[in-house]
Amino acid sequence: MLCSNPALTCPRPPCVSPMLSLKPAFAPSRCRPAQDADRVTPYLDRWTEAGRSCTTCVARAYPPEPCCRCHRRMRISARGPDGPLCGTCYGKATATECGGCAKVRRPSARLPDGSVRCQGCAPRPQHQCSVCGDQAPAQAITESGPVCRKCYRPPIRRCGTCGELSRIVRRGSATRAEKCQSCYRPPAEPCSNCGKVAPCARRLNGRSLCQSCHQRPERPCVRCSKVARVQAEWPMGPVCKACYGSVRRKPAACPLCQQRRPLVARDADGTDVCGPCVGSDLTYPCEGCRSSSDGIYRAQLCSRCYLKAQLAKRLAGDEETLPPPLAATYLALVGAGRRTA
């Protein structure tokens, strides 16, 4: 197979025999120690005394044992001088200073210069994206192949916060609900650069960075063609900070669906359209009324919902609810229409 670079895609005659000899290694085969004689699977990535085994049979062959450090009955990851070690204790025993973030963590990779990297700082392997064909780290491995972060689209499920069918960007667990792109907010933590407590969705070599400190790449803006730092990656392409704010502040009627939304995409003719018309759920809705017809004013709220929140806060004062005498005043103010010239 070393006689030709594209040996797996366009093999030459000398490569045919070695490739045929490797075919049984990747074909589905029977698990040797399996109690169920009909179990055939290609995922036999473990070796036991009986031969190639699946993960279930390995767990049966090697049951949990008491760890010599924490004394819990766990699956054993390694055996040290004092006895068996579970995965947690083995990670603590092998922890060393990372050459990227300088934190003492379990090593995940070793570079050619001999320095180690933790899981957050280790370089990710490059894959050819099955959508765009670029060489980049895989965001997900799908049925069609690896997909890079630029081409990956989260699955569409019902959001646990707003209840709408949308793309899920934050998976749920036993203690938290799944969240879509509109409902998810990054956790607030101290930024490693400026020290401010702010939502930090970016990490560089294991260090958290806020929105202001994150160094965005400079590329031509798809709207104004100026070379500037990328504020957002929209379906139409990268946009600068000025165009990003202009589109979000001024929603317009989409030429295809006639819905008033921020026009963040373009159709085949180059006309600005909304996100849902090209298969994206990027609509920037207000967290109060869930509408995208008005631009976001402050705190992820449109101007009317923000006015309602501030009015209720001022009228209630120190009370949790509005006093009955002021409830009628509140309803009369929020029910008033816009002033026209």
C-alpha atoms as a PDB file:
ATOM      1  CA  MET A   1       0.000   0.000   0.000  1.00  0.00           C
ATOM      2  CA  LEU A   2       3.032   2.281   0.307  1.00  0.00           C
ATOM      3  CA  CYS A   3       3.564   2.227  -3.470  1.00  0.00           C
ATOM      4  CA  SER A   4       0.772   4.735  -4.101  1.00  0.00           C
ATOM      5  CA  ASN A   5      -0.697   7.580  -2.065  1.00  0.00           C
ATOM      6  CA  PRO A   6      -4.362   7.087  -3.136  1.00  0.00           C
ATOM      7  CA  ALA A   7      -4.138   3.345  -2.419  1.00  0.00           C
ATOM      8  CA  LEU A   8      -7.538   3.227  -0.756  1.00  0.00           C
ATOM      9  CA  THR A   9      -9.390   5.340  -3.352  1.00  0.00           C
ATOM     10  CA  CYS A  10      -7.690   4.602  -6.689  1.00  0.00           C
ATOM     11  CA  PRO A  11      -5.508   1.507  -6.079  1.00  0.00           C
ATOM     12  CA  ARG A  12      -2.999   0.349  -8.642  1.00  0.00           C
ATOM     13  CA  PRO A  13      -2.595  -3.365  -9.416  1.00  0.00           C
ATOM     14  CA  PRO A  14       0.310  -3.904  -6.943  1.00  0.00           C
ATOM     15  CA  CYS A  15      -1.920  -2.608  -4.119  1.00  0.00           C
ATOM     16  CA  VAL A  16      -4.840  -4.942  -4.757  1.00  0.00           C
ATOM     17  CA  SER A  17      -3.445  -7.969  -2.914  1.00  0.00           C
ATOM     18  CA  PRO A  18      -2.531  -6.112   0.329  1.00  0.00           C
ATOM     19  CA  MET A  19      -5.934  -4.445   0.358  1.00  0.00           C
ATOM     20  CA  LEU A  20      -7.730  -7.767  -0.079  1.00  0.00           C
ATOM     21  CA  SER A  21      -5.743  -9.198   2.809  1.00  0.00           C
ATOM     22  CA  LEU A  22      -6.947  -6.337   5.039  1.00  0.00           C
ATOM     23  CA  LYS A  23     -10.618  -6.790   4.125  1.00  0.00           C
ATOM     24  CA  PRO A  24     -11.387  -9.473   6.806  1.00  0.00           C
ATOM     25  CA  ALA A  25     -10.025  -7.183   9.524  1.00  0.00           C
ATOM     26  CA  PHE A  26     -12.723  -4.566   8.830  1.00  0.00           C
ATOM     27  CA  ALA A  27     -15.600  -6.915   8.015  1.00  0.00           C
ATOM     28  CA  PRO A  28     -18.256  -7.757  10.639  1.00  0.00           C
ATOM     29  CA  SER A  29     -17.247 -10.910  12.527  1.00  0.00           C
ATOM     30  CA  ARG A  30     -18.386 -12.984  15.463  1.00  0.00           C
ATOM     31  CA  CYS A  31     -17.361 -12.058  18.985  1.00  0.00           C
ATOM     32  CA  ARG A  32     -15.344 -15.001  20.334  1.00  0.00           C
ATOM     33  CA  PRO A  33     -16.386 -15.046  24.017  1.00  0.00           C
ATOM     34  CA  ALA A  34     -19.968 -13.910  23.334  1.00  0.00           C
ATOM     35  CA  GLN A  35     -22.640 -15.875  25.196  1.00  0.00           C
ATOM     36  CA  ASP A  36     -25.051 -15.116  22.356  1.00  0.00           C
ATOM     37  CA  ALA A  37     -23.792 -17.145  19.389  1.00  0.00           C
ATOM     38  CA  ASP A  38     -25.606 -14.899  16.877  1.00  0.00           C
ATOM     39  CA  ARG A  39     -23.799 -11.681  17.841  1.00  0.00           C
ATOM     40  CA  VAL A  40     -21.914 -10.387  14.801  1.00  0.00           C
ATOM     41  CA  THR A  41     -20.435  -6.889  14.940  1.00  0.00           C
ATOM     42  CA  PRO A  42     -17.559  -4.967  13.297  1.00  0.00           C
ATOM     43  CA  TYR A  43     -16.756  -3.198  16.597  1.00  0.00           C
ATOM     44  CA  LEU A  44     -14.378  -5.799  18.058  1.00  0.00           C
ATOM     45  CA  ASP A  45     -11.807  -3.332  19.342  1.00  0.00           C
ATOM     46  CA  ARG A  46     -10.759  -5.256  22.463  1.00  0.00           C
ATOM     47  CA  TRP A  47      -8.510  -8.272  22.852  1.00  0.00           C
ATOM     48  CA  THR A  48      -8.984 -10.978  25.471  1.00  0.00           C
ATOM     49  CA  GLU A  49      -7.603 -14.465  25.962  1.00  0.00           C
ATOM     50  CA  ALA A  50     -10.414 -15.787  23.754  1.00  0.00           C
ATOM     51  CA  GLY A  51      -9.645 -13.381  20.889  1.00  0.00           C
ATOM     52  CA  ARG A  52     -11.272 -10.242  19.510  1.00  0.00           C
ATOM     53  CA  SER A  53     -14.109  -9.170  21.798  1.00  0.00           C
ATOM     54  CA  CYS A  54     -16.783  -6.488  22.023  1.00  0.00           C
ATOM     55  CA  THR A  55     -17.077  -4.028  24.898  1.00  0.00           C
ATOM     56  CA  THR A  56     -19.902  -5.979  26.578  1.00  0.00           C
ATOM     57  CA  CYS A  57     -17.911  -9.211  26.721  1.00  0.00           C
ATOM     58  CA  VAL A  58     -14.823  -7.412  28.012  1.00  0.00           C
ATOM     59  CA  ALA A  59     -16.902  -6.031  30.884  1.00  0.00           C
ATOM     60  CA  ARG A  60     -18.038  -9.581  31.701  1.00  0.00           C
ATOM     61  CA  ALA A  61     -14.510 -10.959  31.508  1.00  0.00           C
ATOM     62  CA  TYR A  62     -13.053  -8.244  33.722  1.00  0.00           C
ATOM     63  CA  PRO A  63     -15.606  -7.374  36.440  1.00  0.00           C
ATOM     64  CA  PRO A  64     -15.181  -4.346  38.721  1.00  0.00           C
ATOM     65  CA  GLU A  65     -12.593  -4.575  41.484  1.00  0.00           C
ATOM     66  CA  PRO A  66     -11.863  -2.460  44.584  1.00  0.00           C
ATOM     67  CA  CYS A  67      -9.507   0.414  43.749  1.00  0.00           C
ATOM     68  CA  CYS A  68      -6.435   0.501  45.986  1.00  0.00           C
ATOM     69  CA  ARG A  69      -6.777   4.272  46.517  1.00  0.00           C
ATOM     70  CA  CYS A  70     -10.474   5.163  46.713  1.00  0.00           C
ATOM     71  CA  HIS A  71     -11.591   1.602  47.643  1.00  0.00           C
ATOM     72  CA  ARG A  72     -14.574   1.816  45.298  1.00  0.00           C
ATOM     73  CA  ARG A  73     -15.575  -1.127  43.155  1.00  0.00           C
ATOM     74  CA  MET A  74     -14.859   0.229  39.676  1.00  0.00           C
ATOM     75  CA  ARG A  75     -13.543  -0.924  36.355  1.00  0.00           C
ATOM     76  CA  ILE A  76      -9.773  -1.089  36.549  1.00  0.00           C
ATOM     77  CA  SER A  77      -7.800   1.090  34.127  1.00  0.00           C
ATOM     78  CA  ALA A  78      -4.282   0.178  35.268  1.00  0.00           C
ATOM     79  CA  ARG A  79      -2.361  -1.683  37.940  1.00  0.00           C
ATOM     80  CA  GLY A  80       0.255   0.173  39.941  1.00  0.00           C
ATOM     81  CA  PRO A  81       2.751  -0.919  42.592  1.00  0.00           C
ATOM     82  CA  ASP A  82       0.057  -0.723  45.279  1.00  0.00           C
ATOM     83  CA  GLY A  83      -2.640  -2.539  43.323  1.00  0.00           C
ATOM     84  CA  PRO A  84      -5.417  -1.865  40.805  1.00  0.00           C
ATOM     85  CA  LEU A  85      -6.417   1.723  39.972  1.00  0.00           C
ATOM     86  CA  CYS A  86      -9.752   2.999  38.659  1.00  0.00           C
ATOM     87  CA  GLY A  87      -9.911   5.573  35.876  1.00  0.00           C
ATOM     88  CA  THR A  88     -10.210   8.551  38.250  1.00  0.00           C
ATOM     89  CA  CYS A  89      -7.299   7.532  40.474  1.00  0.00           C
ATOM     90  CA  TYR A  90      -5.155   6.570  37.495  1.00  0.00           C
ATOM     91  CA  GLY A  91      -5.689  10.042  36.039  1.00  0.00           C
ATOM     92  CA  LYS A  92      -4.619  11.660  39.324  1.00  0.00           C
ATOM     93  CA  ALA A  93      -1.545   9.422  39.546  1.00  0.00           C
ATOM     94  CA  THR A  94      -0.375  10.276  36.019  1.00  0.00           C
ATOM     95  CA  ALA A  95      -1.317  13.984  36.111  1.00  0.00           C
ATOM     96  CA  THR A  96       1.446  16.321  34.994  1.00  0.00           C
ATOM     97  CA  GLU A  97       1.821  19.962  33.993  1.00  0.00           C
ATOM     98  CA  CYS A  98       0.387  20.698  30.559  1.00  0.00           C
ATOM     99  CA  GLY A  99       2.712  22.541  28.209  1.00  0.00           C
ATOM    100  CA  GLY A 100      -0.192  24.590  26.808  1.00  0.00           C
ATOM    101  CA  CYS A 101      -2.273  25.848  29.738  1.00  0.00           C
ATOM    102  CA  ALA A 102       0.310  25.094  32.498  1.00  0.00           C
ATOM    103  CA  LYS A 103      -2.353  23.255  34.529  1.00  0.00           C
ATOM    104  CA  VAL A 104      -1.699  19.908  36.189  1.00  0.00           C
ATOM    105  CA  ARG A 105      -3.953  17.516  34.310  1.00  0.00           C
ATOM    106  CA  ARG A 106      -4.004  14.022  32.897  1.00  0.00           C
ATOM    107  CA  PRO A 107      -1.875  13.958  29.724  1.00  0.00           C
ATOM    108  CA  SER A 108      -3.746  13.282  26.519  1.00  0.00           C
ATOM    109  CA  ALA A 109      -1.015  13.691  23.879  1.00  0.00           C
ATOM    110  CA  ARG A 110       2.743  14.041  23.667  1.00  0.00           C
ATOM    111  CA  LEU A 111       4.260  16.376  21.069  1.00  0.00           C
ATOM    112  CA  PRO A 112       7.466  15.672  19.097  1.00  0.00           C
ATOM    113  CA  ASP A 113       9.425  18.022  21.382  1.00  0.00           C
ATOM    114  CA  GLY A 114       8.567  15.835  24.389  1.00  0.00           C
ATOM    115  CA  SER A 115       6.026  18.182  26.028  1.00  0.00           C
ATOM    116  CA  VAL A 116       2.596  16.876  27.000  1.00  0.00           C
ATOM    117  CA  ARG A 117      -0.833  18.348  26.360  1.00  0.00           C
ATOM    118  CA  CYS A 118      -4.079  17.859  28.259  1.00  0.00           C
ATOM    119  CA  GLN A 119      -7.305  16.957  26.512  1.00  0.00           C
ATOM    120  CA  GLY A 120      -8.275  20.611  26.030  1.00  0.00           C
ATOM    121  CA  CYS A 121      -4.904  21.634  24.551  1.00  0.00           C
ATOM    122  CA  ALA A 122      -4.080  18.501  22.551  1.00  0.00           C
ATOM    123  CA  PRO A 123      -4.138  19.022  18.767  1.00  0.00           C
ATOM    124  CA  ARG A 124      -7.167  17.381  17.212  1.00  0.00           C
ATOM    125  CA  PRO A 125      -6.677  15.048  14.243  1.00  0.00           C
ATOM    126  CA  GLN A 126      -7.485  16.410  10.808  1.00  0.00           C
ATOM    127  CA  HIS A 127     -10.229  14.816   8.712  1.00  0.00           C
ATOM    128  CA  GLN A 128     -11.544  15.546   5.228  1.00  0.00           C
ATOM    129  CA  CYS A 129     -15.024  17.033   5.625  1.00  0.00           C
ATOM    130  CA  SER A 130     -17.648  15.049   3.717  1.00  0.00           C
ATOM    131  CA  VAL A 131     -19.544  18.282   2.891  1.00  0.00           C
ATOM    132  CA  CYS A 132     -16.975  20.905   1.848  1.00  0.00           C
ATOM    133  CA  GLY A 133     -13.916  18.667   1.395  1.00  0.00           C
ATOM    134  CA  ASP A 134     -11.609  20.797   3.601  1.00  0.00           C
ATOM    135  CA  GLN A 135      -9.070  19.276   5.980  1.00  0.00           C
ATOM    136  CA  ALA A 136     -10.181  20.253   9.512  1.00  0.00           C
ATOM    137  CA  PRO A 137     -10.940  18.706  12.921  1.00  0.00           C
ATOM    138  CA  ALA A 138     -14.207  16.763  12.850  1.00  0.00           C
ATOM    139  CA  GLN A 139     -17.073  18.313  14.773  1.00  0.00           C
ATOM    140  CA  ALA A 140     -19.109  15.100  14.351  1.00  0.00           C
ATOM    141  CA  ILE A 141     -18.858  11.736  12.616  1.00  0.00           C
ATOM    142  CA  THR A 142     -22.086  11.195  10.674  1.00  0.00           C
ATOM    143  CA  GLU A 143     -23.301   8.367   8.449  1.00  0.00           C
ATOM    144  CA  SER A 144     -21.886  10.141   5.392  1.00  0.00           C
ATOM    145  CA  GLY A 145     -18.507  10.699   7.070  1.00  0.00           C
ATOM    146  CA  PRO A 146     -16.744  13.346   9.216  1.00  0.00           C
ATOM    147  CA  VAL A 147     -18.185  16.881   9.209  1.00  0.00           C
ATOM    148  CA  CYS A 148     -16.192  19.988  10.158  1.00  0.00           C
ATOM    149  CA  ARG A 149     -17.471  22.636  12.529  1.00  0.00           C
ATOM    150  CA  LYS A 150     -18.358  25.035   9.709  1.00  0.00           C
ATOM    151  CA  CYS A 151     -20.604  22.501   7.949  1.00  0.00           C
ATOM    152  CA  TYR A 152     -22.046  20.760  11.023  1.00  0.00           C
ATOM    153  CA  ARG A 153     -25.733  21.365  11.755  1.00  0.00           C
ATOM    154  CA  PRO A 154     -27.066  20.334  15.193  1.00  0.00           C
ATOM    155  CA  PRO A 155     -30.020  17.911  15.285  1.00  0.00           C
ATOM    156  CA  ILE A 156     -33.568  19.278  15.233  1.00  0.00           C
ATOM    157  CA  ARG A 157     -35.509  18.393  18.387  1.00  0.00           C
ATOM    158  CA  ARG A 158     -37.954  20.073  20.723  1.00  0.00           C
ATOM    159  CA  CYS A 159     -36.256  22.631  22.956  1.00  0.00           C
ATOM    160  CA  GLY A 160     -36.726  22.022  26.658  1.00  0.00           C
ATOM    161  CA  THR A 161     -36.949  25.773  27.393  1.00  0.00           C
ATOM    162  CA  CYS A 162     -39.155  27.323  24.703  1.00  0.00           C
ATOM    163  CA  GLY A 163     -40.816  24.088  23.535  1.00  0.00           C
ATOM    164  CA  GLU A 164     -40.253  24.796  19.818  1.00  0.00           C
ATOM    165  CA  LEU A 165     -38.740  22.417  17.263  1.00  0.00           C
ATOM    166  CA  SER A 166     -35.292  23.822  16.636  1.00  0.00           C
ATOM    167  CA  ARG A 167     -31.650  22.833  16.358  1.00  0.00           C
ATOM    168  CA  ILE A 168     -30.290  21.765  19.750  1.00  0.00           C
ATOM    169  CA  VAL A 169     -26.942  23.326  20.684  1.00  0.00           C
ATOM    170  CA  ARG A 170     -26.885  22.280  24.355  1.00  0.00           C
ATOM    171  CA  ARG A 171     -27.668  18.678  25.166  1.00  0.00           C
ATOM    172  CA  GLY A 172     -29.808  17.903  28.165  1.00  0.00           C
ATOM    173  CA  SER A 173     -29.113  15.671  31.142  1.00  0.00           C
ATOM    174  CA  ALA A 174     -30.884  14.479  34.266  1.00  0.00           C
ATOM    175  CA  THR A 175     -30.546  17.944  35.842  1.00  0.00           C
ATOM    176  CA  ARG A 176     -30.877  20.297  32.854  1.00  0.00           C
ATOM    177  CA  ALA A 177     -33.083  20.593  29.781  1.00  0.00           C
ATOM    178  CA  GLU A 178     -31.968  20.714  26.181  1.00  0.00           C
ATOM    179  CA  LYS A 179     -31.651  24.204  24.736  1.00  0.00           C
ATOM    180  CA  CYS A 180     -31.826  25.573  21.222  1.00  0.00           C
ATOM    181  CA  GLN A 181     -29.591  28.287  19.826  1.00  0.00           C
ATOM    182  CA  SER A 182     -31.989  31.043  20.860  1.00  0.00           C
ATOM    183  CA  CYS A 183     -32.347  29.876  24.486  1.00  0.00           C
ATOM    184  CA  TYR A 184     -28.768  28.854  25.278  1.00  0.00           C
ATOM    185  CA  ARG A 185     -26.533  31.325  27.085  1.00  0.00           C
ATOM    186  CA  PRO A 186     -22.899  30.463  27.904  1.00  0.00           C
ATOM    187  CA  PRO A 187     -22.064  30.276  31.623  1.00  0.00           C
ATOM    188  CA  ALA A 188     -20.593  33.405  33.210  1.00  0.00           C
ATOM    189  CA  GLU A 189     -17.062  32.899  34.506  1.00  0.00           C
ATOM    190  CA  PRO A 190     -13.922  35.035  34.944  1.00  0.00           C
ATOM    191  CA  CYS A 191     -12.208  35.729  31.638  1.00  0.00           C
ATOM    192  CA  SER A 192      -8.570  34.582  31.672  1.00  0.00           C
ATOM    193  CA  ASN A 193      -7.479  37.737  29.804  1.00  0.00           C
ATOM    194  CA  CYS A 194      -9.389  40.706  31.257  1.00  0.00           C
ATOM    195  CA  GLY A 195     -10.636  39.120  34.489  1.00  0.00           C
ATOM    196  CA  LYS A 196     -14.245  40.230  33.989  1.00  0.00           C
ATOM    197  CA  VAL A 197     -17.057  37.839  34.888  1.00  0.00           C
ATOM    198  CA  ALA A 198     -18.875  37.422  31.586  1.00  0.00           C
ATOM    199  CA  PRO A 199     -20.306  34.643  29.400  1.00  0.00           C
ATOM    200  CA  CYS A 200     -17.287  32.730  28.087  1.00  0.00           C
ATOM    201  CA  ALA A 201     -18.099  30.492  25.145  1.00  0.00           C
ATOM    202  CA  ARG A 202     -14.575  30.480  23.703  1.00  0.00           C
ATOM    203  CA  ARG A 203     -11.524  28.607  24.961  1.00  0.00           C
ATOM    204  CA  LEU A 204      -7.921  28.963  23.820  1.00  0.00           C
ATOM    205  CA  ASN A 205      -5.425  26.392  25.111  1.00  0.00           C
ATOM    206  CA  GLY A 206      -7.776  25.586  27.961  1.00  0.00           C
ATOM    207  CA  ARG A 207      -8.243  29.262  28.959  1.00  0.00           C
ATOM    208  CA  SER A 208     -11.735  30.778  28.888  1.00  0.00           C
ATOM    209  CA  LEU A 209     -12.168  34.002  26.899  1.00  0.00           C
ATOM    210  CA  CYS A 210     -15.074  36.414  26.837  1.00  0.00           C
ATOM    211  CA  GLN A 211     -16.609  37.816  23.661  1.00  0.00           C
ATOM    212  CA  SER A 212     -14.418  40.951  23.728  1.00  0.00           C
ATOM    213  CA  CYS A 213     -11.086  39.193  24.291  1.00  0.00           C
ATOM    214  CA  HIS A 214     -11.554  36.420  21.763  1.00  0.00           C
ATOM    215  CA  GLN A 215      -9.391  37.160  18.743  1.00  0.00           C
ATOM    216  CA  ARG A 216     -11.538  36.573  15.672  1.00  0.00           C
ATOM    217  CA  PRO A 217      -9.950  35.982  12.275  1.00  0.00           C
ATOM    218  CA  GLU A 218      -9.954  38.736   9.667  1.00  0.00           C
ATOM    219  CA  ARG A 219     -11.776  37.932   6.439  1.00  0.00           C
ATOM    220  CA  PRO A 220     -13.709  39.862   3.770  1.00  0.00           C
ATOM    221  CA  CYS A 221     -17.254  40.627   4.894  1.00  0.00           C
ATOM    222  CA  VAL A 222     -19.854  39.091   2.580  1.00  0.00           C
ATOM    223  CA  ARG A 223     -22.002  42.265   2.749  1.00  0.00           C
ATOM    224  CA  CYS A 224     -19.577  45.205   2.572  1.00  0.00           C
ATOM    225  CA  SER A 225     -16.504  43.328   1.181  1.00  0.00           C
ATOM    226  CA  LYS A 226     -14.243  44.987   3.766  1.00  0.00           C
ATOM    227  CA  VAL A 227     -11.514  42.911   5.413  1.00  0.00           C
ATOM    228  CA  ALA A 228     -12.344  42.979   9.126  1.00  0.00           C
ATOM    229  CA  ARG A 229     -12.694  40.718  12.129  1.00  0.00           C
ATOM    230  CA  VAL A 230     -15.515  38.224  11.720  1.00  0.00           C
ATOM    231  CA  GLN A 231     -18.373  38.959  14.118  1.00  0.00           C
ATOM    232  CA  ALA A 232     -20.562  36.018  13.074  1.00  0.00           C
ATOM    233  CA  GLU A 233     -20.739  33.170  10.562  1.00  0.00           C
ATOM    234  CA  TRP A 234     -24.150  33.440   8.907  1.00  0.00           C
ATOM    235  CA  PRO A 235     -25.587  31.219   6.178  1.00  0.00           C
ATOM    236  CA  MET A 236     -24.665  33.945   3.667  1.00  0.00           C
ATOM    237  CA  GLY A 237     -21.047  33.908   4.936  1.00  0.00           C
ATOM    238  CA  PRO A 238     -18.825  35.839   7.386  1.00  0.00           C
ATOM    239  CA  VAL A 239     -20.015  39.315   8.414  1.00  0.00           C
ATOM    240  CA  CYS A 240     -18.196  42.129  10.184  1.00  0.00           C
ATOM    241  CA  LYS A 241     -19.370  43.842  13.373  1.00  0.00           C
ATOM    242  CA  ALA A 242     -20.948  46.821  11.579  1.00  0.00           C
ATOM    243  CA  CYS A 243     -23.029  44.701   9.197  1.00  0.00           C
ATOM    244  CA  TYR A 244     -23.935  42.297  11.998  1.00  0.00           C
ATOM    245  CA  GLY A 245     -25.414  45.106  14.096  1.00  0.00           C
ATOM    246  CA  SER A 246     -27.154  46.736  11.126  1.00  0.00           C
ATOM    247  CA  VAL A 247     -28.980  43.541  10.095  1.00  0.00           C
ATOM    248  CA  ARG A 248     -30.012  42.636  13.631  1.00  0.00           C
ATOM    249  CA  ARG A 249     -31.281  46.139  14.419  1.00  0.00           C
ATOM    250  CA  LYS A 250     -33.320  46.429  11.218  1.00  0.00           C
ATOM    251  CA  PRO A 251     -35.364  43.287  10.454  1.00  0.00           C
ATOM    252  CA  ALA A 252     -37.047  43.332   7.049  1.00  0.00           C
ATOM    253  CA  ALA A 253     -39.727  41.364   5.199  1.00  0.00           C
ATOM    254  CA  CYS A 254     -38.265  38.240   3.602  1.00  0.00           C
ATOM    255  CA  PRO A 255     -38.961  38.153  -0.178  1.00  0.00           C
ATOM    256  CA  LEU A 256     -39.774  34.407  -0.017  1.00  0.00           C
ATOM    257  CA  CYS A 257     -41.952  33.942   3.096  1.00  0.00           C
ATOM    258  CA  GLN A 258     -42.935  37.597   3.726  1.00  0.00           C
ATOM    259  CA  GLN A 259     -42.029  37.195   7.422  1.00  0.00           C
ATOM    260  CA  ARG A 260     -40.296  40.130   9.101  1.00  0.00           C
ATOM    261  CA  ARG A 261     -36.942  38.765  10.309  1.00  0.00           C
ATOM    262  CA  PRO A 262     -33.222  39.563  10.144  1.00  0.00           C
ATOM    263  CA  LEU A 263     -32.098  38.635   6.622  1.00  0.00           C
ATOM    264  CA  VAL A 264     -29.023  36.520   7.371  1.00  0.00           C
ATOM    265  CA  ALA A 265     -28.958  34.355   4.221  1.00  0.00           C
ATOM    266  CA  ARG A 266     -29.097  34.596   0.447  1.00  0.00           C
ATOM    267  CA  ASP A 267     -30.897  32.550  -2.182  1.00  0.00           C
ATOM    268  CA  ALA A 268     -29.500  31.291  -5.492  1.00  0.00           C
ATOM    269  CA  ASP A 269     -30.039  34.712  -7.106  1.00  0.00           C
ATOM    270  CA  GLY A 270     -28.110  36.548  -4.372  1.00  0.00           C
ATOM    271  CA  THR A 271     -31.205  38.115  -2.771  1.00  0.00           C
ATOM    272  CA  ASP A 272     -31.152  38.566   1.008  1.00  0.00           C
ATOM    273  CA  VAL A 273     -33.592  36.166   2.697  1.00  0.00           C
ATOM    274  CA  CYS A 274     -34.239  34.965   6.242  1.00  0.00           C
ATOM    275  CA  GLY A 275     -32.613  31.909   7.807  1.00  0.00           C
ATOM    276  CA  PRO A 276     -35.597  29.478   7.795  1.00  0.00           C
ATOM    277  CA  CYS A 277     -35.995  29.881   4.014  1.00  0.00           C
ATOM    278  CA  VAL A 278     -32.569  28.267   3.495  1.00  0.00           C
ATOM    279  CA  GLY A 279     -32.884  25.641   6.241  1.00  0.00           C
ATOM    280  CA  SER A 280     -31.345  27.594   9.142  1.00  0.00           C
ATOM    281  CA  ASP A 281     -33.098  28.387  12.435  1.00  0.00           C
ATOM    282  CA  LEU A 282     -31.121  31.602  12.948  1.00  0.00           C
ATOM    283  CA  THR A 283     -33.913  34.156  13.541  1.00  0.00           C
ATOM    284  CA  TYR A 284     -32.726  36.042  16.682  1.00  0.00           C
ATOM    285  CA  PRO A 285     -36.144  36.063  18.388  1.00  0.00           C
ATOM    286  CA  CYS A 286     -37.005  38.104  21.457  1.00  0.00           C
ATOM    287  CA  GLU A 287     -36.930  36.033  24.656  1.00  0.00           C
ATOM    288  CA  GLY A 288     -40.149  37.681  25.818  1.00  0.00           C
ATOM    289  CA  CYS A 289     -42.563  37.527  22.869  1.00  0.00           C
ATOM    290  CA  ARG A 290     -40.514  35.077  20.695  1.00  0.00           C
ATOM    291  CA  SER A 291     -40.948  37.432  17.734  1.00  0.00           C
ATOM    292  CA  SER A 292     -38.244  38.419  15.255  1.00  0.00           C
ATOM    293  CA  SER A 293     -40.125  41.338  13.693  1.00  0.00           C
ATOM    294  CA  ASP A 294     -38.411  43.908  15.943  1.00  0.00           C
ATOM    295  CA  GLY A 295     -34.702  44.137  16.545  1.00  0.00           C
ATOM    296  CA  ILE A 296     -33.205  43.122  19.890  1.00  0.00           C
ATOM    297  CA  TYR A 297     -32.953  46.222  22.059  1.00  0.00           C
ATOM    298  CA  ARG A 298     -31.288  45.041  25.265  1.00  0.00           C
ATOM    299  CA  ALA A 299     -30.918  41.871  27.381  1.00  0.00           C
ATOM    300  CA  GLN A 300     -32.100  39.681  24.474  1.00  0.00           C
ATOM    301  CA  LEU A 301     -35.467  41.523  24.517  1.00  0.00           C
ATOM    302  CA  CYS A 302     -37.149  43.714  21.932  1.00  0.00           C
ATOM    303  CA  SER A 303     -37.921  47.324  22.806  1.00  0.00           C
ATOM    304  CA  ARG A 304     -41.560  46.619  23.826  1.00  0.00           C
ATOM    305  CA  CYS A 305     -40.729  43.606  26.045  1.00  0.00           C
ATOM    306  CA  TYR A 306     -37.835  45.498  27.635  1.00  0.00           C
ATOM    307  CA  LEU A 307     -40.158  48.424  28.330  1.00  0.00           C
ATOM    308  CA  LYS A 308     -42.671  46.063  29.970  1.00  0.00           C
ATOM    309  CA  ALA A 309     -39.987  44.553  32.199  1.00  0.00           C
ATOM    310  CA  GLN A 310     -38.610  47.929  33.262  1.00  0.00           C
ATOM    311  CA  LEU A 311     -42.102  49.352  33.860  1.00  0.00           C
ATOM    312  CA  ALA A 312     -43.105  46.404  36.050  1.00  0.00           C
ATOM    313  CA  LYS A 313     -39.845  46.705  37.972  1.00  0.00           C
ATOM    314  CA  ARG A 314     -40.342  50.432  38.620  1.00  0.00           C
ATOM    315  CA  LEU A 315     -43.993  50.137  39.644  1.00  0.00           C
ATOM    316  CA  ALA A 316     -43.480  47.091  41.871  1.00  0.00           C
ATOM    317  CA  GLY A 317     -40.557  48.596  43.748  1.00  0.00           C
ATOM    318  CA  ASP A 318     -39.472  46.209  46.509  1.00  0.00           C
ATOM    319  CA  GLU A 319     -42.562  44.029  46.098  1.00  0.00           C
ATOM    320  CA  GLU A 320     -42.474  40.790  44.102  1.00  0.00           C
ATOM    321  CA  THR A 321     -45.794  41.539  42.364  1.00  0.00           C
ATOM    322  CA  LEU A 322     -47.578  44.690  41.277  1.00  0.00           C
ATOM    323  CA  PRO A 323     -49.885  46.261  43.899  1.00  0.00           C
ATOM    324  CA  PRO A 324     -53.566  46.100  42.806  1.00  0.00           C
ATOM    325  CA  PRO A 325     -53.927  49.920  42.512  1.00  0.00           C
ATOM    326  CA  LEU A 326     -51.019  50.020  40.015  1.00  0.00           C
ATOM    327  CA  ALA A 327     -52.033  46.972  37.983  1.00  0.00           C
ATOM    328  CA  ALA A 328     -54.578  48.968  35.955  1.00  0.00           C
ATOM    329  CA  THR A 329     -51.974  51.661  35.272  1.00  0.00           C
ATOM    330  CA  TYR A 330     -49.479  49.029  34.090  1.00  0.00           C
ATOM    331  CA  LEU A 331     -51.997  47.424  31.720  1.00  0.00           C
ATOM    332  CA  ALA A 332     -52.999  50.812  30.297  1.00  0.00           C
ATOM    333  CA  LEU A 333     -49.369  51.776  29.600  1.00  0.00           C
ATOM    334  CA  VAL A 334     -48.290  48.489  28.032  1.00  0.00           C
ATOM    335  CA  GLY A 335     -51.468  48.350  25.947  1.00  0.00           C
ATOM    336  CA  ALA A 336     -50.833  51.705  24.339  1.00  0.00           C
ATOM    337  CA  GLY A 337     -49.841  51.582  20.675  1.00  0.00           C
ATOM    338  CA  ARG A 338     -46.898  53.234  19.037  1.00  0.00           C
ATOM    339  CA  ARG A 339     -46.964  56.990  18.631  1.00  0.00           C
ATOM    340  CA  THR A 340     -47.449  58.021  15.019  1.00  0.00           C
ATOM    341  CA  ALA A 341     -46.498  61.357  13.498  1.00  0.00           C
END
